[in-house]
């Protein structure tokens, strides 16, 4: 594939390398939860971007932030 044919804005390869596009999965499962959206984004594309450790570390960062939010909500009730 010619690099000029790759649409890095609308359909980057690390989002479209499988049967389902990442954006469609994220909108279906996490539309009301931006932190889980980020977790899903980093997990779903981690093998296609060339830096598995970095993307998984980012996913963990967002997951921890989401868990911290849950702890705050639990203590307020």
N, C-alpha and C. Protein backbone atom coordinates (compact mmCIF):
# COMPACT_ATOMS: atom_id res chain seq x y z
N UNK A 1 0.85 -1.19 0.00
CA UNK A 1 0.00 0.00 0.00
C UNK A 1 0.89 1.24 0.00
N UNK A 2 0.59 2.16 -0.86
CA UNK A 2 1.30 3.41 -0.96
C UNK A 2 0.97 4.26 0.26
N UNK A 3 2.00 4.91 0.84
CA UNK A 3 1.75 5.72 2.04
C UNK A 3 0.80 6.88 1.75
N UNK A 4 0.71 7.30 0.50
CA UNK A 4 -0.23 8.36 0.15
C UNK A 4 -1.67 7.89 0.23
N UNK A 5 -1.89 6.56 0.15
CA UNK A 5 -3.24 6.00 0.21
C UNK A 5 -3.74 5.83 1.65
N UNK A 6 -2.86 5.96 2.62
CA UNK A 6 -3.22 5.76 4.02
C UNK A 6 -3.84 7.05 4.56
N UNK A 7 -5.04 6.94 5.11
CA UNK A 7 -5.74 8.08 5.67
C UNK A 7 -5.51 8.09 7.19
N UNK A 8 -4.47 8.77 7.63
CA UNK A 8 -4.10 8.77 9.05
C UNK A 8 -5.05 9.61 9.90
N UNK A 9 -5.90 10.41 9.29
CA UNK A 9 -6.86 11.22 10.04
C UNK A 9 -8.17 10.47 10.24
N UNK A 10 -8.76 9.99 9.18
CA UNK A 10 -10.09 9.39 9.26
C UNK A 10 -10.09 7.89 9.50
N UNK A 11 -9.10 7.18 9.00
CA UNK A 11 -9.07 5.72 9.14
C UNK A 11 -7.63 5.22 9.26
N UNK A 12 -6.94 5.57 10.36
CA UNK A 12 -5.55 5.13 10.51
C UNK A 12 -5.47 3.60 10.64
N UNK A 13 -4.41 3.01 10.14
CA UNK A 13 -4.30 1.54 10.16
C UNK A 13 -4.40 0.93 11.56
N UNK A 14 -3.91 1.61 12.58
CA UNK A 14 -3.98 1.05 13.93
C UNK A 14 -5.39 1.11 14.51
N UNK A 15 -6.33 1.72 13.81
CA UNK A 15 -7.73 1.71 14.21
C UNK A 15 -8.58 0.80 13.33
N UNK A 16 -8.06 0.44 12.18
CA UNK A 16 -8.86 -0.30 11.20
C UNK A 16 -8.26 -1.64 10.81
N UNK A 17 -7.39 -2.17 11.63
CA UNK A 17 -6.68 -3.41 11.27
C UNK A 17 -7.51 -4.68 11.52
N UNK A 18 -8.69 -4.53 12.07
CA UNK A 18 -9.54 -5.68 12.35
C UNK A 18 -10.90 -5.51 11.67
N UNK A 19 -11.76 -6.46 11.89
CA UNK A 19 -13.10 -6.45 11.29
C UNK A 19 -13.91 -5.21 11.71
N UNK A 20 -13.71 -4.74 12.94
CA UNK A 20 -14.46 -3.61 13.46
C UNK A 20 -13.52 -2.43 13.66
N UNK A 21 -13.98 -1.24 13.31
CA UNK A 21 -13.17 -0.06 13.55
C UNK A 21 -13.27 0.33 15.03
N UNK A 22 -12.15 0.73 15.59
CA UNK A 22 -12.07 1.04 17.02
C UNK A 22 -13.13 2.04 17.45
N UNK A 23 -13.35 3.08 16.68
CA UNK A 23 -14.32 4.12 17.05
C UNK A 23 -15.72 3.53 17.23
N UNK A 24 -16.08 2.56 16.41
CA UNK A 24 -17.41 1.95 16.52
C UNK A 24 -17.55 1.18 17.83
N UNK A 25 -16.51 0.48 18.22
CA UNK A 25 -16.52 -0.27 19.48
C UNK A 25 -16.60 0.69 20.67
N UNK A 26 -15.79 1.73 20.64
CA UNK A 26 -15.77 2.69 21.74
C UNK A 26 -17.12 3.39 21.90
N UNK A 27 -17.72 3.79 20.79
CA UNK A 27 -19.03 4.44 20.87
C UNK A 27 -20.10 3.49 21.40
N UNK A 28 -20.00 2.24 21.08
CA UNK A 28 -21.00 1.26 21.53
C UNK A 28 -20.87 0.98 23.03
N UNK A 29 -19.65 0.81 23.52
CA UNK A 29 -19.46 0.36 24.89
C UNK A 29 -19.21 1.48 25.91
N UNK A 30 -18.59 2.58 25.50
CA UNK A 30 -18.12 3.57 26.48
C UNK A 30 -18.57 5.00 26.18
N UNK A 31 -19.67 5.17 25.49
CA UNK A 31 -20.06 6.52 25.06
C UNK A 31 -20.26 7.50 26.21
N UNK A 32 -20.58 7.02 27.40
CA UNK A 32 -20.82 7.90 28.54
C UNK A 32 -19.70 7.86 29.58
N UNK A 33 -18.56 7.30 29.22
CA UNK A 33 -17.48 7.15 30.20
C UNK A 33 -16.13 7.41 29.53
N UNK A 34 -15.69 8.67 29.53
CA UNK A 34 -14.48 9.03 28.79
C UNK A 34 -13.21 8.31 29.26
N UNK A 35 -13.12 8.00 30.54
CA UNK A 35 -11.92 7.31 31.01
C UNK A 35 -11.88 5.87 30.52
N UNK A 36 -13.01 5.19 30.53
CA UNK A 36 -13.03 3.84 29.99
C UNK A 36 -12.88 3.86 28.47
N UNK A 37 -13.37 4.92 27.84
CA UNK A 37 -13.16 5.11 26.40
C UNK A 37 -11.66 5.09 26.11
N UNK A 38 -10.90 5.84 26.90
CA UNK A 38 -9.45 5.90 26.71
C UNK A 38 -8.81 4.53 26.95
N UNK A 39 -9.24 3.83 27.99
CA UNK A 39 -8.72 2.48 28.24
C UNK A 39 -8.94 1.59 27.02
N UNK A 40 -10.16 1.62 26.52
CA UNK A 40 -10.49 0.80 25.35
C UNK A 40 -9.67 1.19 24.14
N UNK A 41 -9.50 2.48 23.94
CA UNK A 41 -8.74 2.97 22.78
C UNK A 41 -7.31 2.45 22.82
N UNK A 42 -6.66 2.60 23.97
CA UNK A 42 -5.27 2.16 24.06
C UNK A 42 -5.14 0.65 23.98
N UNK A 43 -6.08 -0.08 24.56
CA UNK A 43 -6.03 -1.53 24.50
C UNK A 43 -6.27 -2.04 23.08
N UNK A 44 -7.28 -1.51 22.42
CA UNK A 44 -7.65 -2.01 21.10
C UNK A 44 -6.61 -1.73 20.02
N UNK A 45 -5.83 -0.69 20.19
CA UNK A 45 -4.86 -0.37 19.15
C UNK A 45 -3.41 -0.65 19.54
N UNK A 46 -3.18 -1.18 20.73
CA UNK A 46 -1.82 -1.32 21.26
C UNK A 46 -0.89 -2.18 20.40
N UNK A 47 -1.41 -3.16 19.73
CA UNK A 47 -0.55 -4.03 18.93
C UNK A 47 -0.25 -3.46 17.55
N UNK A 48 -0.94 -2.40 17.16
CA UNK A 48 -0.76 -1.87 15.82
C UNK A 48 0.05 -0.60 15.72
N UNK A 49 0.46 -0.03 16.85
CA UNK A 49 1.15 1.26 16.80
C UNK A 49 2.65 1.15 16.96
N UNK A 50 3.15 0.00 17.36
CA UNK A 50 4.59 -0.17 17.45
C UNK A 50 5.20 0.07 18.81
N UNK A 51 4.41 0.40 19.81
CA UNK A 51 4.95 0.58 21.15
C UNK A 51 3.96 0.00 22.16
N UNK A 52 3.93 -1.32 22.23
CA UNK A 52 2.99 -2.05 23.07
C UNK A 52 3.08 -1.61 24.53
N UNK A 53 4.30 -1.54 25.06
CA UNK A 53 4.46 -1.19 26.47
C UNK A 53 3.90 0.20 26.78
N UNK A 54 4.16 1.16 25.90
CA UNK A 54 3.67 2.52 26.13
C UNK A 54 2.14 2.57 26.10
N UNK A 55 1.53 1.94 25.13
CA UNK A 55 0.07 1.98 25.05
C UNK A 55 -0.57 1.24 26.21
N UNK A 56 -0.02 0.11 26.63
CA UNK A 56 -0.58 -0.59 27.78
C UNK A 56 -0.38 0.21 29.07
N UNK A 57 0.73 0.91 29.18
CA UNK A 57 0.95 1.77 30.35
C UNK A 57 -0.06 2.90 30.39
N UNK A 58 -0.37 3.48 29.23
CA UNK A 58 -1.39 4.53 29.16
C UNK A 58 -2.76 3.97 29.53
N UNK A 59 -3.05 2.78 29.05
CA UNK A 59 -4.33 2.15 29.39
C UNK A 59 -4.44 1.97 30.91
N UNK A 60 -3.38 1.51 31.53
CA UNK A 60 -3.37 1.31 32.98
C UNK A 60 -3.54 2.64 33.71
N UNK A 61 -2.90 3.70 33.21
CA UNK A 61 -3.03 5.01 33.83
C UNK A 61 -4.49 5.45 33.85
N UNK A 62 -5.16 5.32 32.71
CA UNK A 62 -6.58 5.69 32.63
C UNK A 62 -7.45 4.79 33.50
N UNK A 63 -7.13 3.50 33.56
CA UNK A 63 -7.89 2.57 34.39
C UNK A 63 -7.76 2.93 35.87
N UNK A 64 -6.55 3.27 36.30
CA UNK A 64 -6.35 3.67 37.69
C UNK A 64 -7.12 4.95 38.01
N UNK A 65 -7.09 5.88 37.09
CA UNK A 65 -7.84 7.13 37.29
C UNK A 65 -9.33 6.84 37.41
N UNK A 66 -9.83 5.94 36.59
CA UNK A 66 -11.25 5.55 36.64
C UNK A 66 -11.57 4.88 37.97
N UNK A 67 -10.68 4.02 38.45
CA UNK A 67 -10.91 3.35 39.74
C UNK A 67 -10.88 4.36 40.88
N UNK A 68 -10.01 5.36 40.79
CA UNK A 68 -9.97 6.40 41.82
C UNK A 68 -11.29 7.18 41.85
N UNK A 69 -11.85 7.46 40.70
CA UNK A 69 -13.14 8.15 40.64
C UNK A 69 -14.22 7.31 41.32
N UNK A 70 -14.19 6.03 41.13
CA UNK A 70 -15.17 5.11 41.74
C UNK A 70 -15.01 5.13 43.25
N UNK A 71 -13.79 5.18 43.75
CA UNK A 71 -13.56 5.24 45.19
C UNK A 71 -14.15 6.51 45.78
N UNK A 72 -13.99 7.64 45.09
CA UNK A 72 -14.56 8.91 45.55
C UNK A 72 -16.07 8.81 45.62
N UNK A 73 -16.69 8.28 44.59
CA UNK A 73 -18.14 8.15 44.57
C UNK A 73 -18.64 7.21 45.65
N UNK A 74 -17.92 6.14 45.94
CA UNK A 74 -18.33 5.19 46.98
C UNK A 74 -18.28 5.83 48.36
N UNK A 75 -17.27 6.67 48.62
CA UNK A 75 -17.14 7.28 49.96
C UNK A 75 -18.17 8.38 50.19
N UNK A 76 -18.75 8.92 49.13
CA UNK A 76 -19.72 10.00 49.28
C UNK A 76 -21.12 9.49 49.56
N UNK A 77 -21.37 8.22 49.34
CA UNK A 77 -22.73 7.70 49.54
C UNK A 77 -22.95 7.16 50.93
